[in-house]
Amino acid sequence: MDDNKPDSSAPDIDSHRGAMPRHLAIIMDGNNRWARRRGLPGADGHRAGERTVQKVIRRAARHGVEVVTLFAFSSENWRRPEDEVNHLMGLFVNALGERVDELHGNGVRLRFIGDRDAFAEPLRAGMAEAEARTAGNDRMTLVVAVNYGGQWDLAQAAAALARDVRDGKLDPADIDATALDARVSTADLPPLDLLIRTGGERRLSNFLLWQAAYAELYFTPALWPDFDGDALDAALEDYAGRQRRFGRSGEQVDAPDGEQEC
């Protein structure tokens, strides 16, 4: 038997085939390209993308997905043209005001992750109010990543560990993957199972870098406004057919309990 200490941040190993992901994350890419191909302003693409969010959340809830995390606004998106950023912020504010009632009525808990300091106080207050209002809901958790970056997430987790060491709450020798995992922004959520990216690109773009270590990745050329419930079904079907091994062999994962070799 291997005496090396296992990575305790890894999800539990089980026979996965046919399962639904507990935690699904989506990089919603392609709004601007969708609009350009139709001769429309970029704002129309973002509005169409917001409608797709509603469809996908409803379909995921129907499948029993526990957590959906959406990459709404990255820490790098501030580099975009000012008018586009302003429009995105306006869409976000409007959606926050219009959708919270619907989410709350459907039993959805709303969470935001990311560095909120860059946002105006009314928007920060609105996010906090939406979180508080939906905190008791348990049908699904919708996590919206705003001004979020995976590197920022790891940096703030490392800073939290450093403060605990400084304050005498943590021995540096006890810093391991589990300790860091407990301080990233999704620490209270199930491990990430499936990450979907629309728009044809095949990269993570600084999204959930730590959390995606054991996730299945699914890339589709469909632009986000065209990614409907049927497209989500196809991604979930693909996921259900995969074998998740977490470092073990396929034979070990498929072996009946108690028959795996050490």
Protein backbone atom coordinates (compact mmCIF):
# COMPACT_ATOMS: atom_id res chain seq x y z
CA MET A 1 0.00 0.00 0.00
CA ASP A 2 1.20 3.50 -0.82
CA ASP A 3 1.93 5.36 2.41
CA ASN A 4 1.97 8.79 0.74
CA LYS A 5 -0.60 11.13 2.17
CA PRO A 6 -3.52 11.47 -0.28
CA ASP A 7 -4.79 14.81 -1.49
CA SER A 8 -7.67 15.23 0.94
CA SER A 9 -9.13 18.04 -1.16
CA ALA A 10 -10.04 15.54 -3.88
CA PRO A 11 -13.68 14.44 -4.13
CA ASP A 12 -14.67 11.02 -2.91
CA ILE A 13 -14.16 8.30 -5.49
CA ASP A 14 -17.25 6.42 -6.53
CA SER A 15 -18.67 4.66 -9.55
CA HIS A 16 -19.85 7.73 -11.39
CA ARG A 17 -21.46 6.53 -14.59
CA GLY A 18 -24.98 7.79 -15.13
CA ALA A 19 -24.73 10.42 -12.41
CA MET A 20 -25.76 14.04 -12.53
CA PRO A 21 -23.21 16.63 -11.40
CA ARG A 22 -23.90 18.08 -7.98
CA HIS A 23 -21.98 21.24 -8.87
CA LEU A 24 -21.99 22.65 -12.40
CA ALA A 25 -20.04 25.73 -13.49
CA ILE A 26 -20.37 27.61 -16.78
CA ILE A 27 -18.15 30.10 -18.61
CA MET A 28 -20.78 31.96 -20.62
CA ASP A 29 -18.79 32.98 -23.69
CA GLY A 30 -19.97 34.33 -27.03
CA ASN A 31 -22.51 37.09 -26.39
CA ASN A 32 -20.64 39.71 -28.44
CA ARG A 33 -19.95 37.34 -31.34
CA TRP A 34 -23.60 36.27 -31.37
CA ALA A 35 -24.63 39.91 -31.75
CA ARG A 36 -22.01 40.75 -34.39
CA ARG A 37 -23.06 37.83 -36.57
CA ARG A 38 -26.57 39.29 -36.60
CA GLY A 39 -25.47 42.87 -37.20
CA LEU A 40 -26.65 43.84 -33.72
CA PRO A 41 -24.98 45.91 -31.01
CA GLY A 42 -23.15 43.98 -28.31
CA ALA A 43 -25.77 45.01 -25.77
CA ASP A 44 -28.32 42.85 -27.59
CA GLY A 45 -26.02 39.85 -27.24
CA HIS A 46 -25.75 40.35 -23.50
CA ARG A 47 -29.53 40.67 -23.19
CA ALA A 48 -29.95 37.45 -25.15
CA GLY A 49 -27.37 35.81 -22.89
CA GLU A 50 -29.35 36.83 -19.82
CA ARG A 51 -32.39 35.06 -21.21
CA THR A 52 -30.27 31.95 -21.71
CA VAL A 53 -29.26 32.09 -18.05
CA GLN A 54 -32.91 31.75 -17.07
CA LYS A 55 -33.45 28.75 -19.36
CA VAL A 56 -30.34 26.94 -18.18
CA ILE A 57 -31.06 27.48 -14.49
CA ARG A 58 -34.58 26.10 -14.89
CA ARG A 59 -33.35 23.03 -16.79
CA ALA A 60 -30.52 22.38 -14.30
CA ALA A 61 -32.99 22.60 -11.41
CA ARG A 62 -35.26 20.12 -13.18
CA HIS A 63 -32.32 17.69 -13.37
CA GLY A 64 -31.62 18.06 -9.66
CA VAL A 65 -28.29 19.88 -9.97
CA GLU A 66 -27.53 21.28 -6.51
CA VAL A 67 -25.20 24.17 -7.42
CA VAL A 68 -24.76 26.21 -10.61
CA THR A 69 -21.85 28.67 -10.68
CA LEU A 70 -21.86 31.25 -13.49
CA PHE A 71 -18.88 33.33 -14.60
CA ALA A 72 -20.71 36.64 -15.01
CA PHE A 73 -17.91 39.22 -14.82
CA SER A 74 -14.23 38.44 -14.47
CA SER A 75 -11.58 40.57 -12.83
CA GLU A 76 -10.13 41.02 -16.35
CA ASN A 77 -13.41 42.30 -17.84
CA TRP A 78 -12.68 45.79 -16.50
CA ARG A 79 -10.27 46.06 -19.45
CA ARG A 80 -13.15 46.07 -21.92
CA PRO A 81 -14.45 49.33 -23.44
CA GLU A 82 -16.03 51.58 -20.84
CA ASP A 83 -19.44 51.63 -22.51
CA GLU A 84 -19.56 47.82 -22.57
CA VAL A 85 -18.56 47.60 -18.90
CA ASN A 86 -21.22 50.17 -18.00
CA HIS A 87 -23.82 48.21 -19.94
CA LEU A 88 -22.82 44.96 -18.25
CA MET A 89 -23.12 46.62 -14.86
CA GLY A 90 -26.52 47.99 -15.79
CA LEU A 91 -27.70 44.56 -16.89
CA PHE A 92 -26.41 43.09 -13.67
CA VAL A 93 -28.22 45.66 -11.53
CA ASN A 94 -31.47 45.19 -13.46
CA ALA A 95 -31.26 41.41 -13.35
CA LEU A 96 -30.56 41.55 -9.64
CA GLY A 97 -33.68 43.58 -9.08
CA GLU A 98 -35.91 41.61 -11.44
CA ARG A 99 -34.79 38.03 -10.83
CA VAL A 100 -34.43 37.79 -7.08
CA ASP A 101 -38.20 37.45 -6.60
CA GLU A 102 -38.32 34.64 -9.16
CA LEU A 103 -35.31 32.85 -7.69
CA HIS A 104 -36.66 33.17 -4.18
CA GLY A 105 -40.08 31.91 -5.23
CA ASN A 106 -38.47 28.85 -6.79
CA GLY A 107 -36.42 28.01 -3.71
CA VAL A 108 -33.05 29.09 -5.13
CA ARG A 109 -30.33 30.41 -2.83
CA LEU A 110 -28.27 33.18 -4.42
CA ARG A 111 -24.57 33.61 -3.69
CA PHE A 112 -21.95 35.98 -5.07
CA ILE A 113 -18.22 35.28 -5.16
CA GLY A 114 -15.46 37.68 -6.12
CA ASP A 115 -13.92 40.92 -4.94
CA ARG A 116 -16.85 43.27 -4.33
CA ASP A 117 -14.71 46.26 -3.36
CA ALA A 118 -14.64 47.55 -6.95
CA PHE A 119 -18.42 47.91 -7.09
CA ALA A 120 -20.44 50.92 -5.98
CA GLU A 121 -21.99 50.70 -2.53
CA PRO A 122 -25.61 50.40 -3.78
CA LEU A 123 -24.65 47.35 -5.85
CA ARG A 124 -22.76 45.76 -2.96
CA ALA A 125 -25.78 46.38 -0.73
CA GLY A 126 -28.07 44.84 -3.34
CA MET A 127 -25.95 41.70 -3.51
CA ALA A 128 -25.90 41.36 0.26
CA GLU A 129 -29.66 41.88 0.44
CA ALA A 130 -30.31 39.24 -2.24
CA GLU A 131 -28.08 36.76 -0.41
CA ALA A 132 -29.80 37.40 2.90
CA ARG A 133 -33.26 37.10 1.41
CA THR A 134 -32.59 33.76 -0.27
CA ALA A 135 -30.29 32.28 2.40
CA GLY A 136 -32.85 29.78 3.65
CA ASN A 137 -33.68 28.30 0.23
CA ASP A 138 -32.48 24.78 -0.49
CA ARG A 139 -33.76 23.66 -3.90
CA MET A 140 -30.61 24.93 -5.65
CA THR A 141 -27.74 27.33 -5.04
CA LEU A 142 -26.96 29.80 -7.80
CA VAL A 143 -23.45 31.23 -7.47
CA VAL A 144 -22.66 34.31 -9.54
CA ALA A 145 -18.96 35.08 -9.96
CA VAL A 146 -18.51 38.86 -10.30
CA ASN A 147 -15.15 40.61 -10.40
CA TYR A 148 -13.85 37.11 -9.84
CA GLY A 149 -10.56 35.50 -10.84
CA GLY A 150 -9.15 32.14 -9.86
CA GLN A 151 -5.79 33.68 -9.04
CA TRP A 152 -7.50 36.25 -6.82
CA ASP A 153 -9.36 33.42 -5.07
CA LEU A 154 -6.13 31.56 -4.33
CA ALA A 155 -4.40 34.75 -3.20
CA GLN A 156 -7.18 35.66 -0.76
CA ALA A 157 -7.18 32.08 0.58
CA ALA A 158 -3.41 32.24 1.11
CA ALA A 159 -3.79 35.60 2.84
CA ALA A 160 -6.41 34.09 5.18
CA LEU A 161 -4.00 31.29 6.07
CA ALA A 162 -1.24 33.83 6.69
CA ARG A 163 -3.47 35.81 9.05
CA ASP A 164 -4.34 32.65 10.99
CA VAL A 165 -0.64 31.84 11.36
CA ARG A 166 0.11 35.42 12.47
CA ASP A 167 -2.68 35.28 15.04
CA GLY A 168 -1.53 31.95 16.44
CA LYS A 169 -4.60 30.08 15.19
CA LEU A 170 -2.73 27.86 12.75
CA ASP A 171 0.59 26.03 12.75
CA PRO A 172 2.37 26.50 9.41
CA ALA A 173 3.01 22.76 9.42
CA ASP A 174 -0.74 22.21 9.17
CA ILE A 175 -1.10 24.14 5.92
CA ASP A 176 -2.07 21.63 3.27
CA ALA A 177 -4.56 21.26 0.42
CA THR A 178 -7.42 20.77 2.86
CA ALA A 179 -6.57 23.99 4.73
CA LEU A 180 -6.44 25.99 1.51
CA ASP A 181 -9.61 24.37 0.19
CA ALA A 182 -11.43 25.53 3.32
CA ARG A 183 -10.62 29.16 2.52
CA VAL A 184 -11.44 29.51 -1.16
CA SER A 185 -14.70 31.28 -1.94
CA THR A 186 -16.64 28.08 -2.65
CA ALA A 187 -15.52 26.26 0.49
CA ASP A 188 -19.08 25.65 1.71
CA LEU A 189 -20.23 24.14 -1.60
CA PRO A 190 -19.92 20.63 -3.06
CA PRO A 191 -16.77 20.01 -5.13
CA LEU A 192 -16.99 21.15 -8.73
CA ASP A 193 -18.01 18.24 -10.97
CA LEU A 194 -18.51 19.70 -14.44
CA LEU A 195 -17.29 22.92 -16.04
CA ILE A 196 -18.86 23.96 -19.34
CA ARG A 197 -17.46 26.63 -21.62
CA THR A 198 -19.45 27.89 -24.58
CA GLY A 199 -18.16 29.87 -27.54
CA GLY A 200 -15.54 27.45 -28.86
CA GLU A 201 -12.56 28.51 -26.75
CA ARG A 202 -10.75 25.76 -24.81
CA ARG A 203 -9.31 27.47 -21.77
CA LEU A 204 -10.38 28.27 -18.21
CA SER A 205 -9.69 32.01 -18.44
CA ASN A 206 -8.80 32.28 -14.75
CA PHE A 207 -12.09 30.73 -13.58
CA LEU A 208 -12.24 28.37 -10.59
CA LEU A 209 -8.63 27.28 -11.07
CA TRP A 210 -8.39 25.45 -7.74
CA GLN A 211 -11.90 24.02 -7.89
CA ALA A 212 -11.47 22.68 -11.44
CA ALA A 213 -8.56 20.40 -10.50
CA TYR A 214 -10.77 17.28 -10.55
CA ALA A 215 -13.65 18.60 -12.64
CA GLU A 216 -14.74 17.26 -15.99
CA LEU A 217 -14.41 19.86 -18.75
CA TYR A 218 -16.90 20.28 -21.59
CA PHE A 219 -16.27 22.69 -24.46
CA THR A 220 -18.88 23.54 -27.06
CA PRO A 221 -18.75 25.83 -30.11
CA ALA A 222 -22.27 27.06 -29.36
CA LEU A 223 -22.34 30.75 -28.49
CA TRP A 224 -23.90 31.40 -25.11
CA PRO A 225 -27.22 32.87 -26.35
CA ASP A 226 -27.67 29.69 -28.44
CA PHE A 227 -26.96 27.33 -25.54
CA ASP A 228 -30.45 26.20 -24.60
CA GLY A 229 -31.91 23.46 -22.43
CA ASP A 230 -31.24 20.80 -25.07
CA ALA A 231 -27.59 21.84 -25.24
CA LEU A 232 -27.36 21.52 -21.46
CA ASP A 233 -28.93 18.07 -21.69
CA ALA A 234 -26.23 17.04 -24.19
CA ALA A 235 -23.48 18.25 -21.84
CA LEU A 236 -25.00 16.40 -18.89
CA GLU A 237 -25.36 13.23 -20.97
CA ASP A 238 -21.70 13.46 -21.96
CA TYR A 239 -20.74 13.91 -18.31
CA ALA A 240 -22.82 10.92 -17.22
CA GLY A 241 -20.94 8.70 -19.66
CA ARG A 242 -17.49 9.56 -18.34
CA GLN A 243 -15.50 7.57 -15.81
CA ARG A 244 -14.06 9.79 -13.08
CA ARG A 245 -10.94 8.10 -11.70
CA PHE A 246 -9.19 10.74 -9.53
CA GLY A 247 -5.80 9.07 -10.08
CA ARG A 248 -6.96 5.46 -9.91
CA SER A 249 -7.18 3.03 -12.79
CA GLY A 250 -10.43 2.31 -14.55
CA GLU A 251 -10.35 -1.24 -13.20
CA GLN A 252 -10.07 0.02 -9.62
CA VAL A 253 -13.00 2.38 -10.02
CA ASP A 254 -15.17 -0.31 -11.60
CA ALA A 255 -14.24 -3.03 -9.10
CA PRO A 256 -16.92 -3.97 -6.52
CA ASP A 257 -16.42 -2.55 -3.03
CA GLY A 258 -13.76 -4.38 -1.13
CA GLU A 259 -12.05 -5.84 -4.21
CA GLN A 260 -9.75 -2.92 -5.05
CA GLU A 261 -6.06 -3.56 -4.73
CA CYS A 262 -3.88 -1.29 -2.65
